[in-house]
Amino acid sequence: MRARSILLLAVPLAAGLICTWQALRLAGERRAFADAQADAVLVSNELAELKSLDAASQQFSWGARPDADVLALARSAVSAAGLPSDTLQGITPTGDRPVPGQPNGGVQLREQSVRISLRAINAPTFGSFLRAWQEAAPRWTVTSIELAAADGRGSRQGVFTGSLIVVAPYAQGGTP
């Protein structure tokens, strides 16, 4: 009888130990799974940041000023927007300056800016041009837009002359 009593105590005790061991193991695996999920989120965020930085670096010119033919880019945008070629009135360089707030020495960040003038446009066609410009010239960012009535007094037809300033950043004195 004594062996049977011991067996009756040992079996539940062994089962309890096994259950406790399994519960501890499961808790550890859940912690490891939660840690792995947190790591996956961090990696995903870092990957998104790297993609963003890569996209930004592709819109940045190292070395000499951006040598893209702005006139050709503007003509391409006019054409892509479905506008007549005489909509493009002209291209005027407006400056090349250092980006403010830089430390002295090393790579110097600069901005080249250009004014693009358009004539006989309305708001929807101007929007079409801006969308086409963004696709044709991703390095050039629109920083200023001016619209004026085409006849100088205010147009009932909503026809305007427009100009925009576009800027392309670049770096001098270094390589990527």
Foldseek 3Di string as FASTA:
>chain_A
DVVVVVVVVVVVVVVVVVVVVVVVVVVVVVVVVVVVVVVVVVVVVVVVVVVVVVVVVVLEAEADDPPPDVVVLLQQLCVQLVHDSVQWPDKAWDDKAWDPDDDDDAKTKIKTKMKTKGFFDADVSVVSSVVSSCVSRVQKAWDDKDWACRVRPDDPVRTTIMMTMIMGMYIHHDDD
